[in-house]
Amino acid sequence: MAKKKKMDTGKVFTRVMACILAVLMILSVAGTLVYYMIML
């Protein structure tokens, strides 16, 4: 594990980016649902 630090950092970076994108998608869906609930 210690030999490939660049690969590990790349994997961690991709996981962090995937988590951020997932959170953004969830927030956008929740926001649209709340918006429709308020507008109804």
PDB file of N, CA and C in Angstrom:
ATOM      1  N   MET A   1       0.835  -1.197   0.000  1.00  0.00           N
ATOM      2  CA  MET A   1       0.000   0.000   0.000  1.00  0.00           C
ATOM      3  C   MET A   1       0.873   1.250   0.000  1.00  0.00           C
ATOM      4  N   ALA A   2       1.992   1.215   0.728  1.00  0.00           N
ATOM      5  CA  ALA A   2       2.823   2.410   0.853  1.00  0.00           C
ATOM      6  C   ALA A   2       3.621   2.669  -0.429  1.00  0.00           C
ATOM      7  N   LYS A   3       3.781   1.635  -1.266  1.00  0.00           N
ATOM      8  CA  LYS A   3       4.580   1.817  -2.473  1.00  0.00           C
ATOM      9  C   LYS A   3       3.876   2.717  -3.489  1.00  0.00           C
ATOM     10  N   LYS A   4       2.547   2.581  -3.600  1.00  0.00           N
ATOM     11  CA  LYS A   4       1.807   3.356  -4.611  1.00  0.00           C
ATOM     12  C   LYS A   4       1.029   4.482  -3.939  1.00  0.00           C
ATOM     13  N   LYS A   5       1.715   5.541  -3.565  1.00  0.00           N
ATOM     14  CA  LYS A   5       1.024   6.664  -2.910  1.00  0.00           C
ATOM     15  C   LYS A   5       0.189   7.440  -3.923  1.00  0.00           C
ATOM     16  N   LYS A   6       0.697   7.611  -5.143  1.00  0.00           N
ATOM     17  CA  LYS A   6      -0.046   8.370  -6.154  1.00  0.00           C
ATOM     18  C   LYS A   6      -1.354   7.670  -6.503  1.00  0.00           C
ATOM     19  N   MET A   7      -1.307   6.356  -6.660  1.00  0.00           N
ATOM     20  CA  MET A   7      -2.527   5.613  -6.978  1.00  0.00           C
ATOM     21  C   MET A   7      -3.535   5.729  -5.832  1.00  0.00           C
ATOM     22  N   ASP A   8      -3.056   5.623  -4.589  1.00  0.00           N
ATOM     23  CA  ASP A   8      -3.958   5.715  -3.445  1.00  0.00           C
ATOM     24  C   ASP A   8      -4.607   7.096  -3.388  1.00  0.00           C
ATOM     25  N   THR A   9      -3.789   8.144  -3.585  1.00  0.00           N
ATOM     26  CA  THR A   9      -4.352   9.498  -3.544  1.00  0.00           C
ATOM     27  C   THR A   9      -5.358   9.678  -4.672  1.00  0.00           C
ATOM     28  N   GLY A  10      -5.093   9.094  -5.824  1.00  0.00           N
ATOM     29  CA  GLY A  10      -6.035   9.186  -6.940  1.00  0.00           C
ATOM     30  C   GLY A  10      -7.346   8.501  -6.604  1.00  0.00           C
ATOM     31  N   LYS A  11      -7.254   7.311  -6.009  1.00  0.00           N
ATOM     32  CA  LYS A  11      -8.475   6.588  -5.623  1.00  0.00           C
ATOM     33  C   LYS A  11      -9.262   7.388  -4.587  1.00  0.00           C
ATOM     34  N   VAL A  12      -8.555   7.932  -3.601  1.00  0.00           N
ATOM     35  CA  VAL A  12      -9.226   8.721  -2.559  1.00  0.00           C
ATOM     36  C   VAL A  12      -9.877   9.943  -3.184  1.00  0.00           C
ATOM     37  N   PHE A  13      -9.167  10.612  -4.104  1.00  0.00           N
ATOM     38  CA  PHE A  13      -9.716  11.809  -4.749  1.00  0.00           C
ATOM     39  C   PHE A  13     -10.972  11.467  -5.544  1.00  0.00           C
ATOM     40  N   THR A  14     -10.928  10.359  -6.280  1.00  0.00           N
ATOM     41  CA  THR A  14     -12.101   9.970  -7.072  1.00  0.00           C
ATOM     42  C   THR A  14     -13.267   9.615  -6.152  1.00  0.00           C
ATOM     43  N   ARG A  15     -12.963   8.957  -5.016  1.00  0.00           N
ATOM     44  CA  ARG A  15     -14.040   8.613  -4.075  1.00  0.00           C
ATOM     45  C   ARG A  15     -14.643   9.879  -3.482  1.00  0.00           C
ATOM     46  N   VAL A  16     -13.790  10.854  -3.133  1.00  0.00           N
ATOM     47  CA  VAL A  16     -14.291  12.111  -2.562  1.00  0.00           C
ATOM     48  C   VAL A  16     -15.149  12.840  -3.586  1.00  0.00           C
ATOM     49  N   MET A  17     -14.690  12.880  -4.834  1.00  0.00           N
ATOM     50  CA  MET A  17     -15.463  13.558  -5.880  1.00  0.00           C
ATOM     51  C   MET A  17     -16.798  12.840  -6.093  1.00  0.00           C
ATOM     52  N   ALA A  18     -16.798  11.508  -6.077  1.00  0.00           N
ATOM     53  CA  ALA A  18     -18.039  10.752  -6.252  1.00  0.00           C
ATOM     54  C   ALA A  18     -18.997  11.032  -5.102  1.00  0.00           C
ATOM     55  N   CYS A  19     -18.467  11.110  -3.876  1.00  0.00           N
ATOM     56  CA  CYS A  19     -19.322  11.410  -2.720  1.00  0.00           C
ATOM     57  C   CYS A  19     -19.914  12.807  -2.854  1.00  0.00           C
ATOM     58  N   ILE A  20     -19.099  13.774  -3.280  1.00  0.00           N
ATOM     59  CA  ILE A  20     -19.595  15.152  -3.427  1.00  0.00           C
ATOM     60  C   ILE A  20     -20.688  15.199  -4.495  1.00  0.00           C
ATOM     61  N   LEU A  21     -20.467  14.519  -5.614  1.00  0.00           N
ATOM     62  CA  LEU A  21     -21.469  14.513  -6.678  1.00  0.00           C
ATOM     63  C   LEU A  21     -22.753  13.844  -6.206  1.00  0.00           C
ATOM     64  N   ALA A  22     -22.624  12.760  -5.457  1.00  0.00           N
ATOM     65  CA  ALA A  22     -23.813  12.061  -4.946  1.00  0.00           C
ATOM     66  C   ALA A  22     -24.589  12.977  -4.004  1.00  0.00           C
ATOM     67  N   VAL A  23     -23.875  13.681  -3.119  1.00  0.00           N
ATOM     68  CA  VAL A  23     -24.541  14.599  -2.184  1.00  0.00           C
ATOM     69  C   VAL A  23     -25.234  15.714  -2.954  1.00  0.00           C
ATOM     70  N   LEU A  24     -24.575  16.233  -3.993  1.00  0.00           N
ATOM     71  CA  LEU A  24     -25.180  17.312  -4.789  1.00  0.00           C
ATOM     72  C   LEU A  24     -26.444  16.815  -5.489  1.00  0.00           C
ATOM     73  N   MET A  25     -26.401  15.591  -6.026  1.00  0.00           N
ATOM     74  CA  MET A  25     -27.585  15.043  -6.696  1.00  0.00           C
ATOM     75  C   MET A  25     -28.727  14.871  -5.702  1.00  0.00           C
ATOM     76  N   ILE A  26     -28.413  14.347  -4.504  1.00  0.00           N
ATOM     77  CA  ILE A  26     -29.457  14.153  -3.489  1.00  0.00           C
ATOM     78  C   ILE A  26     -30.045  15.504  -3.084  1.00  0.00           C
ATOM     79  N   LEU A  27     -29.172  16.508  -2.884  1.00  0.00           N
ATOM     80  CA  LEU A  27     -29.655  17.836  -2.490  1.00  0.00           C
ATOM     81  C   LEU A  27     -30.522  18.439  -3.593  1.00  0.00           C
ATOM     82  N   SER A  28     -30.132  18.265  -4.846  1.00  0.00           N
ATOM     83  CA  SER A  28     -30.913  18.841  -5.947  1.00  0.00           C
ATOM     84  C   SER A  28     -32.282  18.168  -6.035  1.00  0.00           C
ATOM     85  N   VAL A  29     -32.329  16.852  -5.892  1.00  0.00           N
ATOM     86  CA  VAL A  29     -33.611  16.144  -5.939  1.00  0.00           C
ATOM     87  C   VAL A  29     -34.490  16.574  -4.767  1.00  0.00           C
ATOM     88  N   ALA A  30     -33.898  16.647  -3.575  1.00  0.00           N
ATOM     89  CA  ALA A  30     -34.663  17.062  -2.399  1.00  0.00           C
ATOM     90  C   ALA A  30     -35.136  18.498  -2.571  1.00  0.00           C
ATOM     91  N   GLY A  31     -34.284  19.350  -3.135  1.00  0.00           N
ATOM     92  CA  GLY A  31     -34.666  20.747  -3.353  1.00  0.00           C
ATOM     93  C   GLY A  31     -35.829  20.865  -4.317  1.00  0.00           C
ATOM     94  N   THR A  32     -35.797  20.111  -5.390  1.00  0.00           N
ATOM     95  CA  THR A  32     -36.893  20.167  -6.355  1.00  0.00           C
ATOM     96  C   THR A  32     -38.183  19.642  -5.727  1.00  0.00           C
ATOM     97  N   LEU A  33     -38.084  18.586  -4.915  1.00  0.00           N
ATOM     98  CA  LEU A  33     -39.283  18.052  -4.252  1.00  0.00           C
ATOM     99  C   LEU A  33     -39.868  19.090  -3.301  1.00  0.00           C
ATOM    100  N   VAL A  34     -39.020  19.735  -2.518  1.00  0.00           N
ATOM    101  CA  VAL A  34     -39.499  20.767  -1.592  1.00  0.00           C
ATOM    102  C   VAL A  34     -40.102  21.923  -2.380  1.00  0.00           C
ATOM    103  N   TYR A  35     -39.461  22.300  -3.488  1.00  0.00           N
ATOM    104  CA  TYR A  35     -39.977  23.397  -4.311  1.00  0.00           C
ATOM    105  C   TYR A  35     -41.378  23.069  -4.831  1.00  0.00           C
ATOM    106  N   TYR A  36     -41.554  21.844  -5.342  1.00  0.00           N
ATOM    107  CA  TYR A  36     -42.883  21.467  -5.847  1.00  0.00           C
ATOM    108  C   TYR A  36     -43.901  21.414  -4.711  1.00  0.00           C
ATOM    109  N   MET A  37     -43.504  20.923  -3.541  1.00  0.00           N
ATOM    110  CA  MET A  37     -44.418  20.860  -2.401  1.00  0.00           C
ATOM    111  C   MET A  37     -44.864  22.272  -2.005  1.00  0.00           C
ATOM    112  N   ILE A  38     -43.911  23.221  -2.031  1.00  0.00           N
ATOM    113  CA  ILE A  38     -44.254  24.603  -1.653  1.00  0.00           C
ATOM    114  C   ILE A  38     -45.149  25.227  -2.727  1.00  0.00           C
ATOM    115  N   MET A  39     -44.829  24.986  -3.997  1.00  0.00           N
ATOM    116  CA  MET A  39     -45.602  25.602  -5.076  1.00  0.00           C
ATOM    117  C   MET A  39     -47.006  25.003  -5.160  1.00  0.00           C
ATOM    118  N   LEU A  40     -47.189  23.751  -4.729  1.00  0.00           N
ATOM    119  CA  LEU A  40     -48.526  23.155  -4.775  1.00  0.00           C
ATOM    120  C   LEU A  40     -49.392  23.790  -3.689  1.00  0.00           C
TER     121      LEU A  40
END
